[in-house]
Amino acid sequence: MISVNGQTIGDADILAEMQYHPAASRDAAMAEAAEALVVRELLLQRAAALGLTWTAGDATAEEAAIDEVLRRELKLPEPDPEAYRRYYDSNKAKFRSTDLFEASHILYLAPRDDAEARARAKASAKRTLAVLNAEPGRFAEIAKAESRCSSSGSGGHLGQVAPGETAPELETFLTNLDDGQLCPVPVETDYGVHVLMLHRRIEGVQFAFEDVEAAIARSLQAASWGHAVRQYLSLLAASSDVKGIDIRRATSPLVQ
């Protein structure tokens, strides 16, 4: 049985709360739901101790009471513009638009587990590479005739792709090719064997600090708030009589 300073949290309450805590297993969802209810009860009891009032069972009123508890009791550091600048200088890669690759390919379909099909695909890709090394202008023509990708209709053109938007094997080669370069070897993926060409790399743009300062401020302030909430809940639980559960993962006082 779970209780907070003598106030019991019943199984029915935990089962009702589970809908807000999707998890890998039923037991995990129940554990998260139970902890959320314990945290809520701790905060509502603290609200009562501070003299706050609300209508029992009114979720909006209860959350307002919890918000007021946190407003009164959390001690947050003052905003520090210098800290924002240090964070920017140490994490510039986070504030840069992603590189884009404009590329084309010719796909010869062949599942990895079909050795004969894979061998035929490799042979076709090598033959096409030999032709394209001598006549690079025929890429679109061959793609339209032989590629088994939907991009064949546009001559194999994939448009502009960002990291993570294509097969990792293709991305590895795109990262290392020069503008206008035909990949010198066939590229194997789960789909088959590809003949690949990088038309151009579009370098990402570094955003100026002034353009992202507000976003950095919001992120660091949110992190500071979360840290303060965790510390406060830990102290609140330690000073209370909580039975049947250990408060470990609490990061938010809200049910949903």
C-alpha atoms as a PDB file:
ATOM      1  CA  MET A   1       0.000   0.000   0.000  1.00  0.00           C
ATOM      2  CA  ILE A   2       1.211   3.495  -0.846  1.00  0.00           C
ATOM      3  CA  SER A   3       0.634   6.386   1.513  1.00  0.00           C
ATOM      4  CA  VAL A   4       1.852   9.946   2.000  1.00  0.00           C
ATOM      5  CA  ASN A   5       1.745  11.190   5.603  1.00  0.00           C
ATOM      6  CA  GLY A   6      -1.101   8.757   6.236  1.00  0.00           C
ATOM      7  CA  GLN A   7      -3.025   9.635   3.074  1.00  0.00           C
ATOM      8  CA  THR A   8      -3.529   6.434   1.069  1.00  0.00           C
ATOM      9  CA  ILE A   9      -3.174   6.315  -2.723  1.00  0.00           C
ATOM     10  CA  GLY A  10      -5.386   3.485  -3.929  1.00  0.00           C
ATOM     11  CA  ASP A  11      -4.858   1.035  -6.772  1.00  0.00           C
ATOM     12  CA  ALA A  12      -7.842   2.479  -8.633  1.00  0.00           C
ATOM     13  CA  ASP A  13      -6.219   5.921  -8.631  1.00  0.00           C
ATOM     14  CA  ILE A  14      -2.988   4.462  -9.952  1.00  0.00           C
ATOM     15  CA  LEU A  15      -4.801   2.564 -12.716  1.00  0.00           C
ATOM     16  CA  ALA A  16      -6.640   5.737 -13.755  1.00  0.00           C
ATOM     17  CA  GLU A  17      -3.364   7.683 -13.809  1.00  0.00           C
ATOM     18  CA  MET A  18      -1.593   5.116 -15.990  1.00  0.00           C
ATOM     19  CA  GLN A  19      -3.119   6.527 -19.174  1.00  0.00           C
ATOM     20  CA  TYR A  20      -0.827   9.553 -18.834  1.00  0.00           C
ATOM     21  CA  HIS A  21       2.338   7.459 -18.509  1.00  0.00           C
ATOM     22  CA  PRO A  22       2.953   5.291 -21.573  1.00  0.00           C
ATOM     23  CA  ALA A  23       5.843   2.944 -20.912  1.00  0.00           C
ATOM     24  CA  ALA A  24       7.519  -0.193 -22.218  1.00  0.00           C
ATOM     25  CA  SER A  25       5.563  -2.411 -19.814  1.00  0.00           C
ATOM     26  CA  ARG A  26       2.488  -2.338 -17.618  1.00  0.00           C
ATOM     27  CA  ASP A  27       4.636  -2.512 -14.480  1.00  0.00           C
ATOM     28  CA  ALA A  28       6.719   0.452 -15.619  1.00  0.00           C
ATOM     29  CA  ALA A  29       3.591   2.475 -16.389  1.00  0.00           C
ATOM     30  CA  MET A  30       2.138   1.653 -12.976  1.00  0.00           C
ATOM     31  CA  ALA A  31       5.369   2.678 -11.253  1.00  0.00           C
ATOM     32  CA  GLU A  32       5.455   6.008 -13.071  1.00  0.00           C
ATOM     33  CA  ALA A  33       1.776   6.631 -12.373  1.00  0.00           C
ATOM     34  CA  ALA A  34       2.181   5.850  -8.687  1.00  0.00           C
ATOM     35  CA  GLU A  35       5.164   8.163  -8.389  1.00  0.00           C
ATOM     36  CA  ALA A  36       3.306  10.988 -10.131  1.00  0.00           C
ATOM     37  CA  LEU A  37       0.420  10.644  -7.686  1.00  0.00           C
ATOM     38  CA  VAL A  38       2.792  10.629  -4.701  1.00  0.00           C
ATOM     39  CA  VAL A  39       4.493  13.782  -5.971  1.00  0.00           C
ATOM     40  CA  ARG A  40       1.129  15.447  -6.494  1.00  0.00           C
ATOM     41  CA  GLU A  41      -0.019  14.493  -3.010  1.00  0.00           C
ATOM     42  CA  LEU A  42       3.196  15.818  -1.465  1.00  0.00           C
ATOM     43  CA  LEU A  43       2.737  19.146  -3.191  1.00  0.00           C
ATOM     44  CA  LEU A  44      -0.951  19.449  -2.363  1.00  0.00           C
ATOM     45  CA  GLN A  45      -0.227  18.698   1.281  1.00  0.00           C
ATOM     46  CA  ARG A  46       2.452  21.378   1.220  1.00  0.00           C
ATOM     47  CA  ALA A  47      -0.053  23.769  -0.360  1.00  0.00           C
ATOM     48  CA  ALA A  48      -2.436  23.105   2.539  1.00  0.00           C
ATOM     49  CA  ALA A  49       0.371  23.726   5.035  1.00  0.00           C
ATOM     50  CA  LEU A  50       1.008  27.088   3.385  1.00  0.00           C
ATOM     51  CA  GLY A  51      -2.643  28.008   3.802  1.00  0.00           C
ATOM     52  CA  LEU A  52      -3.640  27.704   0.167  1.00  0.00           C
ATOM     53  CA  THR A  53      -7.169  26.591  -0.649  1.00  0.00           C
ATOM     54  CA  TRP A  54      -8.734  24.908  -3.657  1.00  0.00           C
ATOM     55  CA  THR A  55     -11.689  22.739  -4.572  1.00  0.00           C
ATOM     56  CA  ALA A  56     -10.846  19.067  -4.071  1.00  0.00           C
ATOM     57  CA  GLY A  57     -11.083  17.091  -7.295  1.00  0.00           C
ATOM     58  CA  ASP A  58     -10.830  20.207  -9.464  1.00  0.00           C
ATOM     59  CA  ALA A  59      -7.690  19.437 -11.502  1.00  0.00           C
ATOM     60  CA  THR A  60      -7.283  23.024 -12.680  1.00  0.00           C
ATOM     61  CA  ALA A  61      -7.542  24.403  -9.141  1.00  0.00           C
ATOM     62  CA  GLU A  62      -5.151  21.775  -7.807  1.00  0.00           C
ATOM     63  CA  GLU A  63      -2.568  22.582 -10.459  1.00  0.00           C
ATOM     64  CA  ALA A  64      -2.928  26.278  -9.673  1.00  0.00           C
ATOM     65  CA  ALA A  65      -2.228  25.495  -6.009  1.00  0.00           C
ATOM     66  CA  ILE A  66       0.824  23.446  -6.975  1.00  0.00           C
ATOM     67  CA  ASP A  67       2.082  26.251  -9.199  1.00  0.00           C
ATOM     68  CA  GLU A  68       1.740  28.678  -6.300  1.00  0.00           C
ATOM     69  CA  VAL A  69       3.709  26.331  -4.004  1.00  0.00           C
ATOM     70  CA  LEU A  70       6.556  26.186  -6.491  1.00  0.00           C
ATOM     71  CA  ARG A  71       6.427  29.940  -7.085  1.00  0.00           C
ATOM     72  CA  ARG A  72       6.801  30.584  -3.376  1.00  0.00           C
ATOM     73  CA  GLU A  73       9.332  27.938  -2.480  1.00  0.00           C
ATOM     74  CA  LEU A  74      11.683  27.464  -5.411  1.00  0.00           C
ATOM     75  CA  LYS A  75      14.763  29.640  -5.369  1.00  0.00           C
ATOM     76  CA  LEU A  76      15.996  30.110  -8.925  1.00  0.00           C
ATOM     77  CA  PRO A  77      19.180  31.929  -9.947  1.00  0.00           C
ATOM     78  CA  GLU A  78      18.848  35.239 -11.697  1.00  0.00           C
ATOM     79  CA  PRO A  79      19.162  35.163 -15.517  1.00  0.00           C
ATOM     80  CA  ASP A  80      22.819  35.410 -16.512  1.00  0.00           C
ATOM     81  CA  PRO A  81      23.458  36.750 -20.030  1.00  0.00           C
ATOM     82  CA  GLU A  82      27.156  35.913 -19.673  1.00  0.00           C
ATOM     83  CA  ALA A  83      26.230  32.264 -19.054  1.00  0.00           C
ATOM     84  CA  TYR A  84      24.146  32.291 -22.218  1.00  0.00           C
ATOM     85  CA  ARG A  85      27.137  33.509 -24.193  1.00  0.00           C
ATOM     86  CA  ARG A  86      29.412  30.864 -22.656  1.00  0.00           C
ATOM     87  CA  TYR A  87      26.890  28.184 -23.547  1.00  0.00           C
ATOM     88  CA  TYR A  88      26.740  29.429 -27.125  1.00  0.00           C
ATOM     89  CA  ASP A  89      30.538  29.503 -27.458  1.00  0.00           C
ATOM     90  CA  SER A  90      30.800  25.947 -26.103  1.00  0.00           C
ATOM     91  CA  ASN A  91      27.982  24.519 -28.236  1.00  0.00           C
ATOM     92  CA  LYS A  92      28.180  26.323 -31.556  1.00  0.00           C
ATOM     93  CA  ALA A  93      27.354  23.159 -33.499  1.00  0.00           C
ATOM     94  CA  LYS A  94      23.874  23.226 -31.937  1.00  0.00           C
ATOM     95  CA  PHE A  95      23.262  26.642 -33.448  1.00  0.00           C
ATOM     96  CA  ARG A  96      24.117  25.868 -37.027  1.00  0.00           C
ATOM     97  CA  SER A  97      21.775  24.848 -39.802  1.00  0.00           C
ATOM     98  CA  THR A  98      22.405  21.352 -41.099  1.00  0.00           C
ATOM     99  CA  ASP A  99      24.459  20.600 -44.181  1.00  0.00           C
ATOM    100  CA  LEU A 100      22.452  19.534 -47.221  1.00  0.00           C
ATOM    101  CA  PHE A 101      23.485  17.213 -50.038  1.00  0.00           C
ATOM    102  CA  GLU A 102      22.094  17.517 -53.540  1.00  0.00           C
ATOM    103  CA  ALA A 103      22.555  14.083 -55.047  1.00  0.00           C
ATOM    104  CA  SER A 104      21.348  11.492 -57.553  1.00  0.00           C
ATOM    105  CA  HIS A 105      21.475   7.710 -57.522  1.00  0.00           C
ATOM    106  CA  ILE A 106      20.649   4.637 -59.544  1.00  0.00           C
ATOM    107  CA  LEU A 107      19.253   1.760 -57.503  1.00  0.00           C
ATOM    108  CA  TYR A 108      19.568  -1.901 -58.411  1.00  0.00           C
ATOM    109  CA  LEU A 109      17.186  -3.681 -56.045  1.00  0.00           C
ATOM    110  CA  ALA A 110      18.603  -6.673 -54.188  1.00  0.00           C
ATOM    111  CA  PRO A 111      17.835  -7.810 -50.607  1.00  0.00           C
ATOM    112  CA  ARG A 112      20.893  -8.515 -48.472  1.00  0.00           C
ATOM    113  CA  ASP A 113      19.734 -12.097 -47.887  1.00  0.00           C
ATOM    114  CA  ASP A 114      19.432 -12.883 -51.611  1.00  0.00           C
ATOM    115  CA  ALA A 115      23.016 -13.645 -52.626  1.00  0.00           C
ATOM    116  CA  GLU A 116      22.241 -14.195 -56.317  1.00  0.00           C
ATOM    117  CA  ALA A 117      20.228 -10.978 -56.648  1.00  0.00           C
ATOM    118  CA  ARG A 118      22.909  -9.060 -54.775  1.00  0.00           C
ATOM    119  CA  ALA A 119      25.623 -10.383 -57.069  1.00  0.00           C
ATOM    120  CA  ARG A 120      23.624  -9.364 -60.157  1.00  0.00           C
ATOM    121  CA  ALA A 121      23.023  -5.917 -58.691  1.00  0.00           C
ATOM    122  CA  LYS A 122      26.718  -5.434 -57.983  1.00  0.00           C
ATOM    123  CA  ALA A 123      27.595  -6.469 -61.512  1.00  0.00           C
ATOM    124  CA  SER A 124      25.029  -4.050 -62.961  1.00  0.00           C
ATOM    125  CA  ALA A 125      26.271  -1.215 -60.770  1.00  0.00           C
ATOM    126  CA  LYS A 126      29.894  -1.831 -61.774  1.00  0.00           C
ATOM    127  CA  ARG A 127      28.907  -1.907 -65.441  1.00  0.00           C
ATOM    128  CA  THR A 128      27.029   1.377 -65.060  1.00  0.00           C
ATOM    129  CA  LEU A 129      29.979   2.960 -63.256  1.00  0.00           C
ATOM    130  CA  ALA A 130      32.256   1.997 -66.133  1.00  0.00           C
ATOM    131  CA  VAL A 131      29.862   3.628 -68.611  1.00  0.00           C
ATOM    132  CA  LEU A 132      29.503   6.783 -66.506  1.00  0.00           C
ATOM    133  CA  ASN A 133      33.230   7.155 -65.984  1.00  0.00           C
ATOM    134  CA  ALA A 134      33.515   7.390 -69.765  1.00  0.00           C
ATOM    135  CA  GLU A 135      30.242   9.300 -70.349  1.00  0.00           C
ATOM    136  CA  PRO A 136      29.127  11.061 -67.143  1.00  0.00           C
ATOM    137  CA  GLY A 137      26.396  12.933 -68.983  1.00  0.00           C
ATOM    138  CA  ARG A 138      24.373   9.715 -69.317  1.00  0.00           C
ATOM    139  CA  PHE A 139      23.527   9.463 -65.587  1.00  0.00           C
ATOM    140  CA  ALA A 140      19.917  10.654 -65.912  1.00  0.00           C
ATOM    141  CA  GLU A 141      19.341   8.525 -69.017  1.00  0.00           C
ATOM    142  CA  ILE A 142      20.515   5.342 -67.304  1.00  0.00           C
ATOM    143  CA  ALA A 143      18.634   6.166 -64.103  1.00  0.00           C
ATOM    144  CA  LYS A 144      15.375   6.523 -66.012  1.00  0.00           C
ATOM    145  CA  ALA A 145      15.950   3.206 -67.758  1.00  0.00           C
ATOM    146  CA  GLU A 146      17.378   1.063 -64.964  1.00  0.00           C
ATOM    147  CA  SER A 147      16.854   2.526 -61.479  1.00  0.00           C
ATOM    148  CA  ARG A 148      14.212   0.847 -59.338  1.00  0.00           C
ATOM    149  CA  CYS A 149      13.733   3.889 -57.140  1.00  0.00           C
ATOM    150  CA  SER A 150      10.816   6.298 -57.531  1.00  0.00           C
ATOM    151  CA  SER A 151      13.422   8.957 -58.290  1.00  0.00           C
ATOM    152  CA  SER A 152      14.053   7.299 -61.656  1.00  0.00           C
ATOM    153  CA  GLY A 153      11.400   9.513 -63.226  1.00  0.00           C
ATOM    154  CA  SER A 154      13.553  12.559 -62.447  1.00  0.00           C
ATOM    155  CA  GLY A 155      16.752  10.941 -63.659  1.00  0.00           C
ATOM    156  CA  GLY A 156      17.659   9.598 -60.244  1.00  0.00           C
ATOM    157  CA  HIS A 157      17.689  13.055 -58.656  1.00  0.00           C
ATOM    158  CA  LEU A 158      17.075  12.884 -54.900  1.00  0.00           C
ATOM    159  CA  GLY A 159      16.828  16.623 -54.379  1.00  0.00           C
ATOM    160  CA  GLN A 160      18.407  18.040 -51.246  1.00  0.00           C
ATOM    161  CA  VAL A 161      18.804  15.577 -48.397  1.00  0.00           C
ATOM    162  CA  ALA A 162      19.928  16.273 -44.845  1.00  0.00           C
ATOM    163  CA  PRO A 163      21.885  13.945 -42.553  1.00  0.00           C
ATOM    164  CA  GLY A 164      19.601  11.207 -41.295  1.00  0.00           C
ATOM    165  CA  GLU A 165      17.231  11.404 -44.255  1.00  0.00           C
ATOM    166  CA  THR A 166      18.852   8.677 -46.326  1.00  0.00           C
ATOM    167  CA  ALA A 167      20.493   5.292 -45.753  1.00  0.00           C
ATOM    168  CA  PRO A 168      23.567   5.627 -43.505  1.00  0.00           C
ATOM    169  CA  GLU A 169      25.793   3.983 -46.135  1.00  0.00           C
ATOM    170  CA  LEU A 170      24.793   6.609 -48.692  1.00  0.00           C
ATOM    171  CA  GLU A 171      25.301   9.377 -46.159  1.00  0.00           C
ATOM    172  CA  THR A 172      28.826   8.171 -45.408  1.00  0.00           C
ATOM    173  CA  PHE A 173      29.804   8.505 -49.058  1.00  0.00           C
ATOM    174  CA  LEU A 174      27.958  11.795 -49.565  1.00  0.00           C
ATOM    175  CA  THR A 175      29.912  13.251 -46.652  1.00  0.00           C
ATOM    176  CA  ASN A 176      33.203  12.327 -48.296  1.00  0.00           C
ATOM    177  CA  LEU A 177      32.524  13.072 -51.975  1.00  0.00           C
ATOM    178  CA  ASP A 178      33.475  16.314 -53.686  1.00  0.00           C
ATOM    179  CA  ASP A 179      30.973  18.451 -55.557  1.00  0.00           C
ATOM    180  CA  GLY A 180      30.191  16.888 -58.936  1.00  0.00           C
ATOM    181  CA  GLN A 181      31.921  13.603 -58.057  1.00  0.00           C
ATOM    182  CA  LEU A 182      30.638  10.185 -59.065  1.00  0.00           C
ATOM    183  CA  CYS A 183      31.151   7.716 -56.234  1.00  0.00           C
ATOM    184  CA  PRO A 184      33.972   5.432 -57.439  1.00  0.00           C
ATOM    185  CA  VAL A 185      32.418   2.251 -56.008  1.00  0.00           C
ATOM    186  CA  PRO A 186      28.921   0.781 -55.810  1.00  0.00           C
ATOM    187  CA  VAL A 187      27.239   1.518 -52.459  1.00  0.00           C
ATOM    188  CA  GLU A 188      25.388  -1.313 -50.750  1.00  0.00           C
ATOM    189  CA  THR A 189      22.383  -0.689 -48.507  1.00  0.00           C
ATOM    190  CA  ASP A 190      19.491  -2.799 -47.254  1.00  0.00           C
ATOM    191  CA  TYR A 191      17.609  -1.871 -50.428  1.00  0.00           C
ATOM    192  CA  GLY A 192      20.219  -2.985 -52.903  1.00  0.00           C
ATOM    193  CA  VAL A 193      23.242  -1.544 -54.708  1.00  0.00           C
ATOM    194  CA  HIS A 194      23.480   2.114 -55.651  1.00  0.00           C
ATOM    195  CA  VAL A 195      25.422   4.171 -58.134  1.00  0.00           C
ATOM    196  CA  LEU A 196      25.755   7.537 -56.409  1.00  0.00           C
ATOM    197  CA  MET A 197      26.655  11.052 -57.486  1.00  0.00           C
ATOM    198  CA  LEU A 198      27.006  14.170 -55.339  1.00  0.00           C
ATOM    199  CA  HIS A 199      26.092  17.285 -57.288  1.00  0.00           C
ATOM    200  CA  ARG A 200      26.886  19.756 -54.541  1.00  0.00           C
ATOM    201  CA  ARG A 201      27.140  20.150 -50.810  1.00  0.00           C
ATOM    202  CA  ILE A 202      25.261  23.082 -49.282  1.00  0.00           C
ATOM    203  CA  GLU A 203      27.103  24.065 -46.127  1.00  0.00           C
ATOM    204  CA  GLY A 204      25.066  24.878 -43.041  1.00  0.00           C
ATOM    205  CA  VAL A 205      24.999  28.413 -41.676  1.00  0.00           C
ATOM    206  CA  GLN A 206      26.230  29.375 -38.218  1.00  0.00           C
ATOM    207  CA  PHE A 207      23.546  31.401 -36.440  1.00  0.00           C
ATOM    208  CA  ALA A 208      24.700  34.560 -34.682  1.00  0.00           C
ATOM    209  CA  PHE A 209      24.504  34.602 -30.893  1.00  0.00           C
ATOM    210  CA  GLU A 210      22.042  37.489 -31.016  1.00  0.00           C
ATOM    211  CA  ASP A 211      19.657  35.385 -33.115  1.00  0.00           C
ATOM    212  CA  VAL A 212      19.571  32.497 -30.644  1.00  0.00           C
ATOM    213  CA  GLU A 213      20.131  34.230 -27.300  1.00  0.00           C
ATOM    214  CA  ALA A 214      16.426  34.140 -26.399  1.00  0.00           C
ATOM    215  CA  ALA A 215      16.187  30.415 -27.180  1.00  0.00           C
ATOM    216  CA  ILE A 216      19.310  29.700 -25.115  1.00  0.00           C
ATOM    217  CA  ALA A 217      17.872  31.686 -22.227  1.00  0.00           C
ATOM    218  CA  ARG A 218      14.633  29.691 -22.321  1.00  0.00           C
ATOM    219  CA  SER A 219      16.521  26.379 -22.488  1.00  0.00           C
ATOM    220  CA  LEU A 220      18.885  27.152 -19.602  1.00  0.00           C
ATOM    221  CA  GLN A 221      16.116  28.607 -17.467  1.00  0.00           C
ATOM    222  CA  ALA A 222      14.008  25.482 -18.071  1.00  0.00           C
ATOM    223  CA  ALA A 223      16.960  23.291 -17.090  1.00  0.00           C
ATOM    224  CA  SER A 224      17.492  25.369 -13.953  1.00  0.00           C
ATOM    225  CA  TRP A 225      13.808  25.107 -13.088  1.00  0.00           C
ATOM    226  CA  GLY A 226      13.847  21.330 -13.572  1.00  0.00           C
ATOM    227  CA  HIS A 227      16.901  20.959 -11.347  1.00  0.00           C
ATOM    228  CA  ALA A 228      15.300  23.096  -8.646  1.00  0.00           C
ATOM    229  CA  VAL A 229      12.067  21.081  -8.799  1.00  0.00           C
ATOM    230  CA  ARG A 230      13.948  17.797  -8.436  1.00  0.00           C
ATOM    231  CA  GLN A 231      15.858  19.084  -5.431  1.00  0.00           C
ATOM    232  CA  TYR A 232      12.715  20.469  -3.837  1.00  0.00           C
ATOM    233  CA  LEU A 233      10.750  17.247  -4.326  1.00  0.00           C
ATOM    234  CA  SER A 234      13.614  15.241  -2.888  1.00  0.00           C
ATOM    235  CA  LEU A 235      13.659  17.405   0.232  1.00  0.00           C
ATOM    236  CA  LEU A 236       9.873  17.322   0.491  1.00  0.00           C
ATOM    237  CA  ALA A 237       9.814  13.514   0.262  1.00  0.00           C
ATOM    238  CA  ALA A 238      12.650  13.183   2.779  1.00  0.00           C
ATOM    239  CA  SER A 239      10.742  15.275   5.314  1.00  0.00           C
ATOM    240  CA  SER A 240       7.509  13.336   4.800  1.00  0.00           C
ATOM    241  CA  ASP A 241       6.296   9.857   5.738  1.00  0.00           C
ATOM    242  CA  VAL A 242       6.100   8.201   2.326  1.00  0.00           C
ATOM    243  CA  LYS A 243       5.419   4.473   2.411  1.00  0.00           C
ATOM    244  CA  GLY A 244       5.286   1.842  -0.325  1.00  0.00           C
ATOM    245  CA  ILE A 245       7.383   3.672  -2.924  1.00  0.00           C
ATOM    246  CA  ASP A 246      10.760   5.340  -3.406  1.00  0.00           C
ATOM    247  CA  ILE A 247      10.743   8.743  -5.099  1.00  0.00           C
ATOM    248  CA  ARG A 248      13.529   8.563  -7.675  1.00  0.00           C
ATOM    249  CA  ARG A 249      12.527   9.861 -11.079  1.00  0.00           C
ATOM    250  CA  ALA A 250      10.291  12.800 -10.192  1.00  0.00           C
ATOM    251  CA  THR A 251      10.892  15.673 -12.579  1.00  0.00           C
ATOM    252  CA  SER A 252       7.473  17.346 -12.715  1.00  0.00           C
ATOM    253  CA  PRO A 253       4.677  17.911 -10.240  1.00  0.00           C
ATOM    254  CA  LEU A 254       1.981  17.702 -12.901  1.00  0.00           C
ATOM    255  CA  VAL A 255      -0.162  14.645 -13.544  1.00  0.00           C
ATOM    256  CA  GLN A 256      -0.112  15.005 -17.335  1.00  0.00           C
END
